[in-house]
Amino acid sequence: MSWIYLIIAALCEIAFAGSLKQTNNFTNLRWTLIFVFFYVLSIVLLNKAVQKIPIGTAYAIWTGIGAAGTVLIGIWYFKEPYHFWRIFFLCTLILSIIGLKFVSE
């Protein structure tokens, strides 16, 4: 169950990072509330995950999935530029996350 908490926490991190841009420097109340909701939920779920998963592993996976997901949100939703090297290093990040999962436990 801890791994499920960690994955959901990472998805919430993607949600709060993506909504951060929409807050317009925290002047848009709706997006600010969405940001706060996902931020708090992400931290609470991460806290539940680290009860069974080593903190170093959990944090690395949480931030890795969050970073990878945020890059993809930026490319798809915010039309940020992408090129070979950006995608290459994104793939190495994802492979590192998978590797950490396999060597943990």
N, C-alpha and C. Protein backbone atom coordinates (compact mmCIF):
# COMPACT_ATOMS: atom_id res chain seq x y z
N MET A 1 0.83 -1.20 0.00
CA MET A 1 0.00 0.00 0.00
C MET A 1 0.87 1.26 0.00
N SER A 2 2.06 1.18 0.60
CA SER A 2 2.93 2.35 0.65
C SER A 2 3.34 2.83 -0.73
N TRP A 3 3.56 1.88 -1.64
CA TRP A 3 3.93 2.27 -3.00
C TRP A 3 2.77 2.96 -3.71
N ILE A 4 1.57 2.54 -3.41
CA ILE A 4 0.39 3.21 -4.00
C ILE A 4 0.29 4.63 -3.47
N TYR A 5 0.51 4.79 -2.15
CA TYR A 5 0.51 6.14 -1.57
C TYR A 5 1.57 7.00 -2.26
N LEU A 6 2.73 6.42 -2.50
CA LEU A 6 3.82 7.18 -3.11
C LEU A 6 3.47 7.59 -4.54
N ILE A 7 2.90 6.70 -5.31
CA ILE A 7 2.53 7.02 -6.69
C ILE A 7 1.46 8.11 -6.72
N ILE A 8 0.45 8.00 -5.87
CA ILE A 8 -0.60 9.02 -5.81
C ILE A 8 -0.02 10.36 -5.35
N ALA A 9 0.90 10.30 -4.38
CA ALA A 9 1.56 11.53 -3.92
C ALA A 9 2.31 12.20 -5.06
N ALA A 10 2.98 11.40 -5.88
CA ALA A 10 3.72 11.95 -7.01
C ALA A 10 2.77 12.55 -8.05
N LEU A 11 1.64 11.90 -8.28
CA LEU A 11 0.64 12.45 -9.20
C LEU A 11 0.09 13.77 -8.67
N CYS A 12 -0.08 13.85 -7.35
CA CYS A 12 -0.53 15.11 -6.74
C CYS A 12 0.55 16.18 -6.88
N GLU A 13 1.82 15.77 -6.85
CA GLU A 13 2.90 16.74 -7.06
C GLU A 13 2.83 17.31 -8.47
N ILE A 14 2.55 16.45 -9.44
CA ILE A 14 2.39 16.93 -10.82
C ILE A 14 1.23 17.92 -10.89
N ALA A 15 0.13 17.59 -10.20
CA ALA A 15 -1.04 18.47 -10.20
C ALA A 15 -0.73 19.81 -9.55
N PHE A 16 -0.02 19.81 -8.41
CA PHE A 16 0.24 21.10 -7.79
C PHE A 16 1.28 21.90 -8.56
N ALA A 17 2.24 21.23 -9.16
CA ALA A 17 3.23 21.97 -9.97
C ALA A 17 2.57 22.55 -11.22
N GLY A 18 1.71 21.78 -11.85
CA GLY A 18 1.01 22.29 -13.03
C GLY A 18 0.06 23.42 -12.70
N SER A 19 -0.59 23.34 -11.55
CA SER A 19 -1.52 24.40 -11.18
C SER A 19 -0.80 25.66 -10.70
N LEU A 20 0.45 25.51 -10.29
CA LEU A 20 1.21 26.67 -9.81
C LEU A 20 1.29 27.76 -10.89
N LYS A 21 1.52 27.35 -12.11
CA LYS A 21 1.60 28.33 -13.20
C LYS A 21 0.26 29.04 -13.41
N GLN A 22 -0.83 28.33 -13.16
CA GLN A 22 -2.16 28.90 -13.36
C GLN A 22 -2.56 29.89 -12.25
N THR A 23 -1.85 29.87 -11.12
CA THR A 23 -2.23 30.76 -10.01
C THR A 23 -1.96 32.23 -10.30
N ASN A 24 -1.16 32.49 -11.34
CA ASN A 24 -0.76 33.88 -11.66
C ASN A 24 -0.21 34.59 -10.43
N ASN A 25 0.85 34.00 -9.88
CA ASN A 25 1.49 34.55 -8.68
C ASN A 25 0.53 34.60 -7.50
N PHE A 26 -0.30 33.58 -7.40
CA PHE A 26 -1.30 33.41 -6.33
C PHE A 26 -2.37 34.50 -6.31
N THR A 27 -2.64 35.07 -7.46
CA THR A 27 -3.72 36.06 -7.54
C THR A 27 -5.03 35.45 -8.02
N ASN A 28 -4.97 34.27 -8.62
CA ASN A 28 -6.17 33.57 -9.07
C ASN A 28 -6.59 32.62 -7.96
N LEU A 29 -7.67 32.97 -7.26
CA LEU A 29 -8.08 32.22 -6.07
C LEU A 29 -8.40 30.76 -6.37
N ARG A 30 -9.10 30.50 -7.45
CA ARG A 30 -9.49 29.12 -7.77
C ARG A 30 -8.25 28.25 -7.96
N TRP A 31 -7.30 28.70 -8.77
CA TRP A 31 -6.10 27.91 -9.02
C TRP A 31 -5.20 27.85 -7.78
N THR A 32 -5.22 28.88 -6.98
CA THR A 32 -4.44 28.86 -5.74
C THR A 32 -4.99 27.80 -4.79
N LEU A 33 -6.30 27.70 -4.69
CA LEU A 33 -6.91 26.67 -3.83
C LEU A 33 -6.63 25.26 -4.37
N ILE A 34 -6.66 25.11 -5.68
CA ILE A 34 -6.32 23.82 -6.29
C ILE A 34 -4.87 23.47 -5.97
N PHE A 35 -3.98 24.45 -6.11
CA PHE A 35 -2.57 24.25 -5.79
C PHE A 35 -2.39 23.80 -4.34
N VAL A 36 -3.00 24.52 -3.40
CA VAL A 36 -2.87 24.20 -1.97
C VAL A 36 -3.42 22.80 -1.68
N PHE A 37 -4.58 22.47 -2.25
CA PHE A 37 -5.18 21.16 -2.03
C PHE A 37 -4.23 20.04 -2.45
N PHE A 38 -3.70 20.11 -3.67
CA PHE A 38 -2.82 19.05 -4.16
C PHE A 38 -1.48 19.05 -3.44
N TYR A 39 -1.00 20.22 -3.05
CA TYR A 39 0.25 20.29 -2.31
C TYR A 39 0.13 19.57 -0.97
N VAL A 40 -0.90 19.90 -0.23
CA VAL A 40 -1.11 19.28 1.09
C VAL A 40 -1.35 17.77 0.93
N LEU A 41 -2.19 17.39 -0.01
CA LEU A 41 -2.47 15.97 -0.23
C LEU A 41 -1.19 15.22 -0.61
N SER A 42 -0.36 15.81 -1.43
CA SER A 42 0.89 15.18 -1.84
C SER A 42 1.80 14.94 -0.64
N ILE A 43 1.94 15.93 0.22
CA ILE A 43 2.81 15.80 1.39
C ILE A 43 2.25 14.77 2.38
N VAL A 44 0.96 14.78 2.59
CA VAL A 44 0.33 13.81 3.50
C VAL A 44 0.55 12.39 2.99
N LEU A 45 0.34 12.17 1.69
CA LEU A 45 0.53 10.83 1.13
C LEU A 45 2.01 10.42 1.13
N LEU A 46 2.90 11.37 0.87
CA LEU A 46 4.33 11.07 0.94
C LEU A 46 4.70 10.65 2.37
N ASN A 47 4.14 11.34 3.34
CA ASN A 47 4.39 11.00 4.74
C ASN A 47 3.92 9.57 5.05
N LYS A 48 2.77 9.19 4.54
CA LYS A 48 2.27 7.83 4.74
C LYS A 48 3.19 6.81 4.07
N ALA A 49 3.70 7.14 2.89
CA ALA A 49 4.56 6.22 2.16
C ALA A 49 5.89 5.98 2.87
N VAL A 50 6.45 7.03 3.47
CA VAL A 50 7.77 6.86 4.10
C VAL A 50 7.71 6.10 5.42
N GLN A 51 6.53 5.73 5.85
CA GLN A 51 6.43 4.88 7.04
C GLN A 51 6.99 3.48 6.74
N LYS A 52 6.95 3.05 5.47
CA LYS A 52 7.43 1.71 5.09
C LYS A 52 8.56 1.76 4.06
N ILE A 53 8.63 2.82 3.27
CA ILE A 53 9.65 2.94 2.22
C ILE A 53 10.75 3.85 2.75
N PRO A 54 12.03 3.49 2.53
CA PRO A 54 13.11 4.38 2.98
C PRO A 54 12.93 5.79 2.44
N ILE A 55 13.19 6.78 3.28
CA ILE A 55 12.95 8.18 2.92
C ILE A 55 13.72 8.60 1.67
N GLY A 56 14.96 8.16 1.55
CA GLY A 56 15.76 8.53 0.38
C GLY A 56 15.15 8.00 -0.91
N THR A 57 14.72 6.77 -0.88
CA THR A 57 14.08 6.16 -2.05
C THR A 57 12.75 6.83 -2.35
N ALA A 58 11.92 6.99 -1.32
CA ALA A 58 10.60 7.58 -1.52
C ALA A 58 10.71 9.01 -2.05
N TYR A 59 11.59 9.78 -1.47
CA TYR A 59 11.72 11.18 -1.90
C TYR A 59 12.24 11.26 -3.33
N ALA A 60 13.22 10.44 -3.65
CA ALA A 60 13.77 10.45 -5.01
C ALA A 60 12.70 10.06 -6.03
N ILE A 61 11.92 9.05 -5.73
CA ILE A 61 10.86 8.62 -6.64
C ILE A 61 9.77 9.68 -6.73
N TRP A 62 9.38 10.24 -5.60
CA TRP A 62 8.36 11.29 -5.56
C TRP A 62 8.77 12.49 -6.42
N THR A 63 9.98 12.97 -6.21
CA THR A 63 10.42 14.13 -6.97
C THR A 63 10.68 13.76 -8.44
N GLY A 64 11.16 12.55 -8.68
CA GLY A 64 11.42 12.13 -10.06
C GLY A 64 10.16 12.03 -10.88
N ILE A 65 9.16 11.37 -10.33
CA ILE A 65 7.88 11.27 -11.04
C ILE A 65 7.27 12.66 -11.19
N GLY A 66 7.36 13.46 -10.14
CA GLY A 66 6.83 14.83 -10.21
C GLY A 66 7.54 15.65 -11.26
N ALA A 67 8.86 15.55 -11.32
CA ALA A 67 9.62 16.31 -12.31
C ALA A 67 9.31 15.84 -13.73
N ALA A 68 9.30 14.53 -13.93
CA ALA A 68 9.01 13.99 -15.26
C ALA A 68 7.60 14.38 -15.70
N GLY A 69 6.65 14.23 -14.81
CA GLY A 69 5.27 14.57 -15.13
C GLY A 69 5.09 16.05 -15.40
N THR A 70 5.79 16.87 -14.64
CA THR A 70 5.69 18.31 -14.83
C THR A 70 6.29 18.73 -16.17
N VAL A 71 7.39 18.10 -16.55
CA VAL A 71 7.98 18.37 -17.87
C VAL A 71 6.97 18.02 -18.97
N LEU A 72 6.33 16.86 -18.84
CA LEU A 72 5.35 16.45 -19.84
C LEU A 72 4.15 17.38 -19.88
N ILE A 73 3.67 17.81 -18.71
CA ILE A 73 2.57 18.78 -18.65
C ILE A 73 3.00 20.08 -19.35
N GLY A 74 4.23 20.50 -19.08
CA GLY A 74 4.73 21.71 -19.73
C GLY A 74 4.75 21.58 -21.24
N ILE A 75 5.19 20.44 -21.72
CA ILE A 75 5.26 20.23 -23.18
C ILE A 75 3.86 20.14 -23.78
N TRP A 76 3.00 19.32 -23.17
CA TRP A 76 1.68 19.08 -23.75
C TRP A 76 0.70 20.23 -23.54
N TYR A 77 0.64 20.71 -22.29
CA TYR A 77 -0.40 21.69 -21.96
C TYR A 77 0.05 23.13 -22.18
N PHE A 78 1.28 23.43 -21.76
CA PHE A 78 1.77 24.81 -21.84
C PHE A 78 2.58 25.07 -23.11
N LYS A 79 2.68 24.06 -23.97
CA LYS A 79 3.36 24.18 -25.27
C LYS A 79 4.82 24.62 -25.12
N GLU A 80 5.49 24.11 -24.07
CA GLU A 80 6.90 24.41 -23.89
C GLU A 80 7.72 23.67 -24.95
N PRO A 81 8.87 24.21 -25.30
CA PRO A 81 9.68 23.57 -26.35
C PRO A 81 10.25 22.22 -25.89
N TYR A 82 10.45 21.37 -26.85
CA TYR A 82 11.11 20.09 -26.57
C TYR A 82 12.02 19.75 -27.75
N HIS A 83 13.05 19.03 -27.44
CA HIS A 83 14.01 18.62 -28.45
C HIS A 83 14.62 17.30 -28.00
N PHE A 84 15.47 16.76 -28.83
CA PHE A 84 16.03 15.44 -28.57
C PHE A 84 16.62 15.31 -27.18
N TRP A 85 17.49 16.24 -26.76
CA TRP A 85 18.18 16.11 -25.49
C TRP A 85 17.23 16.23 -24.30
N ARG A 86 16.24 17.04 -24.41
CA ARG A 86 15.26 17.16 -23.32
C ARG A 86 14.51 15.84 -23.14
N ILE A 87 14.09 15.24 -24.22
CA ILE A 87 13.39 13.95 -24.16
C ILE A 87 14.35 12.85 -23.72
N PHE A 88 15.58 12.89 -24.20
CA PHE A 88 16.58 11.89 -23.81
C PHE A 88 16.77 11.88 -22.29
N PHE A 89 17.00 13.04 -21.71
CA PHE A 89 17.23 13.10 -20.27
C PHE A 89 15.96 12.84 -19.47
N LEU A 90 14.82 13.16 -20.02
CA LEU A 90 13.57 12.79 -19.38
C LEU A 90 13.46 11.27 -19.32
N CYS A 91 13.83 10.59 -20.39
CA CYS A 91 13.81 9.12 -20.41
C CYS A 91 14.80 8.53 -19.41
N THR A 92 15.98 9.15 -19.27
CA THR A 92 16.94 8.64 -18.29
C THR A 92 16.41 8.83 -16.87
N LEU A 93 15.69 9.91 -16.64
CA LEU A 93 15.08 10.13 -15.33
C LEU A 93 14.04 9.05 -15.04
N ILE A 94 13.21 8.76 -16.02
CA ILE A 94 12.18 7.74 -15.84
C ILE A 94 12.81 6.37 -15.61
N LEU A 95 13.86 6.05 -16.35
CA LEU A 95 14.55 4.77 -16.14
C LEU A 95 15.19 4.70 -14.75
N SER A 96 15.68 5.82 -14.26
CA SER A 96 16.25 5.86 -12.91
C SER A 96 15.18 5.62 -11.85
N ILE A 97 14.01 6.18 -12.06
CA ILE A 97 12.89 5.97 -11.13
C ILE A 97 12.53 4.49 -11.10
N ILE A 98 12.42 3.88 -12.27
CA ILE A 98 12.10 2.45 -12.35
C ILE A 98 13.20 1.63 -11.66
N GLY A 99 14.44 2.00 -11.90
CA GLY A 99 15.56 1.30 -11.26
C GLY A 99 15.50 1.38 -9.75
N LEU A 100 15.20 2.56 -9.21
CA LEU A 100 15.08 2.70 -7.75
C LEU A 100 13.97 1.79 -7.19
N LYS A 101 12.88 1.70 -7.91
CA LYS A 101 11.79 0.85 -7.45
C LYS A 101 12.23 -0.61 -7.39
N PHE A 102 12.98 -1.05 -8.41
CA PHE A 102 13.39 -2.46 -8.45
C PHE A 102 14.44 -2.81 -7.40
N VAL A 103 15.29 -1.86 -7.04
CA VAL A 103 16.33 -2.18 -6.05
C VAL A 103 15.89 -1.88 -4.62
N SER A 104 14.69 -1.34 -4.44
CA SER A 104 14.18 -1.05 -3.10
C SER A 104 13.27 -2.17 -2.65
N GLU A 105 13.21 -2.38 -1.38
CA GLU A 105 12.37 -3.36 -0.71
C GLU A 105 13.15 -4.49 -0.21
